[in-house]
Amino acid sequence: MTATVREGQTYGGASRLVRYVNFVKLPHTVFALPFALVGVTLASWIVPVTAATVVWVVVAFTAARFAAMGFNRIADRSFDALNPRTAMREIPSGAMSVPEAAASVAVASLVFIFAAGRINPLCLALSPVALAWVLFYSYTKRFTRWAHLVLGLGLGIAPAGGYLAVTGAWSDPWWLLPALAIAVMSWVGGFDILYALPDAEFDRSQGLYSVPATMGIGKALRVARALHALTIAALSAAGVASGSSVLYFAGVVVAAGILGWEHSLVSSDDLSKLDAAFFSVNGALSVTFFLFVLAERVFL
């Protein structure tokens, strides 16, 4: 009998809660949520932050990510059913029906828009644009190898959104928020390329596009490294734009070290540590960098 293959970072159990947690890989929220809080923290130098604002930012981000991930699972369900790595996901395995999944996406979308409205009018006005972008991502793998960057920009909205939630206005200098968005976009794009490495052959067989599928594993690793070098450059630029000092830039140095460690875990000849590189390392990066930014705000 063939053993059931369980995708990495999947929890055991048959409860409804576990099913929804696995459906959207809820623990992966830790990747970009801390960057939303980086935006909040940098904005707090300009406008005082209330506890309510922080709560609504967390709710908005979590709901938007739920909607995006759930929609992706619906859009990709036929491909997931054919891929041994993803065949046990909730929809192809029959643990969740498409109508149930669609209802959860609709609820999460409404929660996101409601939370944005509770923050300020600007966030409410921008919420449909942000939602449309993160849902659009689900179809990009069908026509471009750069779907990784579309996903990255979707999460790159997080720090800009956190900043706008506090200030209700664009940053001064204007390039602070683009620098933060580019940092997150390149970071997410780089690690999403790593995540796509095991599926390169499958993607080619199904006519799907990704950097590993179209460029090969060796070149894909080089692209991921280049994107992560851009991450460090963009974080540094954001630090200059925000007038940050020693702790912020110490966080940038630590982030660079973590990314270097991530790439040391993966090579074209050995993908066995990919799950650790994808989840543990990237979760550590976002949380650690946020803590450095927060420490600068509290202690300096």
Protein backbone atom coordinates (compact mmCIF):
# COMPACT_ATOMS: atom_id res chain seq x y z
CA MET A 1 0.00 0.00 0.00
CA THR A 2 1.33 3.45 -0.92
CA ALA A 3 1.71 5.78 2.04
CA THR A 4 -0.27 8.99 1.98
CA VAL A 5 1.99 11.94 1.24
CA ARG A 6 1.36 14.90 3.51
CA GLU A 7 2.51 18.30 2.32
CA GLY A 8 4.97 20.10 4.58
CA GLN A 9 3.61 22.35 7.35
CA THR A 10 0.31 20.45 7.45
CA TYR A 11 -1.34 19.61 10.75
CA GLY A 12 -2.93 16.27 11.56
CA GLY A 13 -6.53 15.97 12.70
CA ALA A 14 -9.98 15.96 11.19
CA SER A 15 -11.64 18.87 13.01
CA ARG A 16 -13.13 21.79 11.09
CA LEU A 17 -10.59 24.14 12.67
CA VAL A 18 -7.62 22.03 11.54
CA ARG A 19 -9.17 21.73 8.09
CA TYR A 20 -9.36 25.51 7.68
CA VAL A 21 -5.90 26.06 9.17
CA ASN A 22 -4.43 23.64 6.63
CA PHE A 23 -6.60 24.97 3.80
CA VAL A 24 -4.91 28.37 3.88
CA LYS A 25 -1.66 27.36 5.62
CA LEU A 26 -2.58 29.79 8.41
CA PRO A 27 0.83 29.64 10.18
CA HIS A 28 2.37 31.13 7.03
CA THR A 29 0.67 34.39 8.01
CA VAL A 30 3.82 34.95 10.08
CA PHE A 31 5.77 35.58 6.88
CA ALA A 32 4.48 39.04 5.98
CA LEU A 33 2.35 40.11 8.96
CA PRO A 34 5.44 41.33 10.85
CA PHE A 35 6.22 43.56 7.88
CA ALA A 36 2.77 45.11 8.15
CA LEU A 37 3.71 45.85 11.75
CA VAL A 38 7.03 47.31 10.57
CA GLY A 39 4.96 49.80 8.57
CA VAL A 40 2.88 50.56 11.66
CA THR A 41 6.01 51.03 13.79
CA LEU A 42 7.71 53.38 11.33
CA ALA A 43 4.50 55.41 11.04
CA SER A 44 4.33 55.69 14.83
CA TRP A 45 7.21 58.21 14.69
CA ILE A 46 4.77 60.52 12.92
CA VAL A 47 1.33 59.72 14.34
CA PRO A 48 0.53 57.99 17.66
CA VAL A 49 -0.64 54.40 17.23
CA THR A 50 -3.71 53.10 19.05
CA ALA A 51 -4.29 49.52 20.09
CA ALA A 52 -7.44 49.48 17.96
CA THR A 53 -5.44 50.37 14.84
CA VAL A 54 -3.00 47.52 15.46
CA VAL A 55 -5.86 45.06 15.98
CA TRP A 56 -7.61 46.11 12.76
CA VAL A 57 -4.35 45.93 10.79
CA VAL A 58 -3.83 42.35 12.00
CA VAL A 59 -7.45 41.44 11.20
CA ALA A 60 -7.27 43.05 7.75
CA PHE A 61 -4.00 41.37 6.83
CA THR A 62 -5.06 37.94 8.07
CA ALA A 63 -8.41 38.14 6.27
CA ALA A 64 -6.84 39.30 3.00
CA ARG A 65 -4.30 36.49 3.14
CA PHE A 66 -7.05 33.94 3.91
CA ALA A 67 -9.05 35.16 0.91
CA ALA A 68 -6.02 35.07 -1.38
CA MET A 69 -4.86 31.62 -0.31
CA GLY A 70 -8.35 30.16 -0.36
CA PHE A 71 -9.02 31.55 -3.82
CA ASN A 72 -5.70 30.10 -4.99
CA ARG A 73 -6.72 26.66 -3.72
CA ILE A 74 -9.99 26.90 -5.66
CA ALA A 75 -8.31 28.11 -8.87
CA ASP A 76 -5.59 25.44 -8.72
CA ARG A 77 -7.69 22.51 -7.56
CA SER A 78 -7.39 20.56 -10.83
CA PHE A 79 -3.60 20.93 -10.86
CA ASP A 80 -3.36 20.11 -7.15
CA ALA A 81 -5.25 16.86 -7.75
CA LEU A 82 -2.63 15.74 -10.28
CA ASN A 83 0.45 16.69 -8.26
CA PRO A 84 1.47 14.04 -5.69
CA ARG A 85 2.79 16.78 -3.38
CA THR A 86 -0.56 18.58 -3.26
CA ALA A 87 -3.10 15.84 -3.96
CA MET A 88 -4.05 15.64 -0.28
CA ARG A 89 -4.99 19.30 -0.05
CA GLU A 90 -8.50 19.86 1.19
CA ILE A 91 -10.35 20.33 -2.11
CA PRO A 92 -8.74 17.59 -4.25
CA SER A 93 -8.88 15.13 -1.33
CA GLY A 94 -12.58 15.82 -0.79
CA ALA A 95 -12.13 17.16 2.75
CA MET A 96 -13.67 20.47 1.64
CA SER A 97 -16.12 21.18 -1.16
CA VAL A 98 -15.66 24.01 -3.64
CA PRO A 99 -18.84 25.81 -2.43
CA GLU A 100 -17.57 25.66 1.16
CA ALA A 101 -14.19 27.00 0.10
CA ALA A 102 -15.80 29.76 -1.97
CA ALA A 103 -18.02 30.77 0.95
CA SER A 104 -14.98 31.05 3.23
CA VAL A 105 -13.19 33.22 0.66
CA ALA A 106 -16.23 35.48 0.36
CA VAL A 107 -16.48 35.86 4.14
CA ALA A 108 -12.76 36.60 4.46
CA SER A 109 -13.00 39.21 1.68
CA LEU A 110 -15.86 40.96 3.45
CA VAL A 111 -13.97 40.89 6.74
CA PHE A 112 -10.95 42.45 5.03
CA ILE A 113 -13.00 45.29 3.54
CA PHE A 114 -14.81 45.86 6.83
CA ALA A 115 -11.51 45.97 8.75
CA ALA A 116 -10.04 48.40 6.22
CA GLY A 117 -13.08 50.61 6.72
CA ARG A 118 -12.56 50.56 10.47
CA ILE A 119 -8.99 51.81 9.97
CA ASN A 120 -9.53 54.92 7.85
CA PRO A 121 -11.22 56.07 4.61
CA LEU A 122 -8.02 55.77 2.56
CA CYS A 123 -7.54 52.12 3.50
CA LEU A 124 -11.20 51.45 2.70
CA ALA A 125 -10.85 53.08 -0.73
CA LEU A 126 -7.73 51.04 -1.51
CA SER A 127 -9.03 47.72 -0.17
CA PRO A 128 -10.79 46.56 -3.39
CA VAL A 129 -7.59 47.25 -5.37
CA ALA A 130 -5.47 45.26 -2.92
CA LEU A 131 -7.99 42.41 -2.87
CA ALA A 132 -8.21 42.29 -6.67
CA TRP A 133 -4.42 42.05 -6.93
CA VAL A 134 -4.01 39.18 -4.46
CA LEU A 135 -6.83 37.24 -6.13
CA PHE A 136 -5.43 37.92 -9.61
CA TYR A 137 -2.17 36.22 -8.58
CA SER A 138 -3.85 32.80 -8.70
CA TYR A 139 -4.04 32.87 -12.51
CA THR A 140 -0.61 34.33 -13.32
CA LYS A 141 1.21 31.00 -13.32
CA ARG A 142 -0.76 30.15 -16.43
CA PHE A 143 0.93 32.83 -18.53
CA THR A 144 4.10 34.19 -16.88
CA ARG A 145 7.15 32.78 -15.11
CA TRP A 146 7.14 35.85 -12.86
CA ALA A 147 4.06 34.87 -10.88
CA HIS A 148 6.45 34.78 -7.89
CA LEU A 149 6.79 38.56 -8.08
CA VAL A 150 3.04 39.07 -8.46
CA LEU A 151 2.65 37.15 -5.21
CA GLY A 152 5.50 39.15 -3.71
CA LEU A 153 3.88 42.46 -4.57
CA GLY A 154 0.62 41.23 -3.07
CA LEU A 155 2.41 40.74 0.24
CA GLY A 156 4.54 43.83 -0.38
CA ILE A 157 1.38 45.83 0.14
CA ALA A 158 1.57 44.87 3.83
CA PRO A 159 4.11 47.41 5.12
CA ALA A 160 2.61 50.19 3.01
CA GLY A 161 -0.83 49.25 4.30
CA GLY A 162 0.40 49.27 7.89
CA TYR A 163 1.92 52.72 7.41
CA LEU A 164 -1.18 54.14 5.73
CA ALA A 165 -3.37 52.68 8.47
CA VAL A 166 -1.63 54.90 10.99
CA THR A 167 -0.96 58.06 9.00
CA GLY A 168 -3.79 58.05 6.47
CA ALA A 169 -1.33 59.64 4.04
CA TRP A 170 1.60 58.71 1.80
CA SER A 171 5.10 58.73 3.22
CA ASP A 172 7.55 61.63 3.15
CA PRO A 173 9.93 61.02 1.45
CA TRP A 174 7.68 59.38 -1.11
CA TRP A 175 10.08 56.50 -1.78
CA LEU A 176 9.93 55.05 1.75
CA LEU A 177 6.83 52.98 1.03
CA PRO A 178 7.98 51.79 -2.43
CA ALA A 179 11.29 50.72 -0.87
CA LEU A 180 9.47 48.68 1.78
CA ALA A 181 7.16 47.17 -0.85
CA ILE A 182 10.12 46.23 -3.07
CA ALA A 183 11.90 44.68 -0.08
CA VAL A 184 8.96 42.41 0.70
CA MET A 185 8.18 41.71 -2.96
CA SER A 186 11.74 40.55 -3.68
CA TRP A 187 11.94 38.59 -0.43
CA VAL A 188 8.68 36.74 -1.07
CA GLY A 189 9.46 36.30 -4.76
CA GLY A 190 12.81 34.77 -3.89
CA PHE A 191 11.52 32.27 -1.37
CA ASP A 192 8.53 31.42 -3.58
CA ILE A 193 11.01 30.45 -6.30
CA LEU A 194 12.66 28.13 -3.78
CA TYR A 195 9.26 26.69 -2.86
CA ALA A 196 8.55 26.02 -6.55
CA LEU A 197 11.74 24.02 -7.10
CA PRO A 198 10.25 20.54 -6.39
CA ASP A 199 7.38 21.22 -8.80
CA ALA A 200 9.52 22.23 -11.80
CA GLU A 201 8.92 19.01 -13.74
CA PHE A 202 5.24 18.91 -12.87
CA ASP A 203 4.74 22.54 -13.93
CA ARG A 204 6.40 21.87 -17.28
CA SER A 205 4.21 18.82 -17.85
CA GLN A 206 1.06 20.88 -17.23
CA GLY A 207 2.07 23.92 -19.26
CA LEU A 208 2.43 26.05 -16.14
CA TYR A 209 5.06 28.75 -15.78
CA SER A 210 7.52 29.35 -12.99
CA VAL A 211 11.15 30.38 -12.82
CA PRO A 212 12.32 26.81 -11.99
CA ALA A 213 10.13 25.30 -14.72
CA THR A 214 11.26 27.69 -17.45
CA MET A 215 14.87 28.37 -16.43
CA GLY A 216 15.95 25.23 -14.61
CA ILE A 217 16.89 24.73 -10.99
CA GLY A 218 20.42 26.16 -11.19
CA LYS A 219 19.33 29.44 -12.78
CA ALA A 220 16.30 29.62 -10.51
CA LEU A 221 18.57 29.50 -7.46
CA ARG A 222 20.64 32.36 -8.89
CA VAL A 223 17.50 34.42 -9.51
CA ALA A 224 16.35 33.79 -5.94
CA ARG A 225 19.73 34.91 -4.61
CA ALA A 226 19.59 38.09 -6.72
CA LEU A 227 16.10 38.87 -5.46
CA HIS A 228 17.22 38.43 -1.87
CA ALA A 229 20.19 40.73 -2.47
CA LEU A 230 17.60 43.28 -3.67
CA THR A 231 15.67 42.68 -0.45
CA ILE A 232 18.63 43.78 1.65
CA ALA A 233 19.29 46.80 -0.58
CA ALA A 234 15.64 47.88 -0.40
CA LEU A 235 15.47 47.44 3.38
CA SER A 236 18.58 49.57 3.67
CA ALA A 237 17.05 52.24 1.44
CA ALA A 238 13.89 52.23 3.56
CA GLY A 239 16.03 52.72 6.65
CA VAL A 240 17.67 55.76 5.10
CA ALA A 241 14.29 57.16 4.01
CA SER A 242 12.81 56.73 7.48
CA GLY A 243 15.82 58.22 9.25
CA SER A 244 16.34 55.00 11.18
CA SER A 245 19.48 54.37 13.19
CA VAL A 246 21.59 51.59 14.61
CA LEU A 247 19.01 48.99 15.64
CA TYR A 248 17.14 49.16 12.34
CA PHE A 249 20.34 48.59 10.36
CA ALA A 250 21.42 45.86 12.78
CA GLY A 251 18.14 44.18 11.84
CA VAL A 252 19.04 44.51 8.16
CA VAL A 253 22.40 42.83 8.83
CA VAL A 254 20.70 39.99 10.72
CA ALA A 255 18.16 39.62 7.89
CA ALA A 256 21.03 39.32 5.42
CA GLY A 257 22.59 36.61 7.57
CA ILE A 258 19.30 34.70 7.75
CA LEU A 259 18.88 34.86 3.97
CA GLY A 260 22.44 33.62 3.54
CA TRP A 261 21.65 30.72 5.84
CA GLU A 262 18.48 29.97 3.87
CA HIS A 263 20.41 29.67 0.63
CA SER A 264 23.03 27.48 2.29
CA LEU A 265 20.28 24.94 2.99
CA VAL A 266 19.29 24.51 -0.65
CA SER A 267 21.31 23.53 -3.70
CA SER A 268 20.55 22.18 -7.15
CA ASP A 269 21.72 18.76 -5.93
CA ASP A 270 19.92 18.72 -2.58
CA LEU A 271 16.38 19.97 -1.92
CA SER A 272 15.90 17.84 1.21
CA LYS A 273 16.01 20.85 3.57
CA LEU A 274 13.65 22.95 1.50
CA ASP A 275 10.78 22.78 3.98
CA ALA A 276 13.02 24.19 6.71
CA ALA A 277 14.32 26.86 4.36
CA PHE A 278 10.81 27.88 3.33
CA PHE A 279 9.00 28.05 6.66
CA SER A 280 11.37 28.24 9.61
CA VAL A 281 13.96 30.53 8.08
CA ASN A 282 11.54 32.98 6.49
CA GLY A 283 9.33 33.11 9.55
CA ALA A 284 12.43 33.84 11.63
CA LEU A 285 13.48 36.63 9.26
CA SER A 286 10.23 38.58 9.33
CA VAL A 287 9.71 38.29 13.09
CA THR A 288 13.35 39.09 13.91
CA PHE A 289 13.48 42.13 11.65
CA PHE A 290 10.25 43.49 13.12
CA LEU A 291 11.62 43.06 16.65
CA PHE A 292 14.69 45.12 15.74
CA VAL A 293 12.48 47.88 14.29
CA LEU A 294 10.25 47.78 17.37
CA ALA A 295 13.25 47.85 19.70
CA GLU A 296 14.56 50.96 17.99
CA ARG A 297 11.16 52.63 18.45
CA VAL A 298 10.98 51.67 22.14
CA PHE A 299 14.56 52.19 23.28
CA LEU A 300 15.99 54.94 21.07
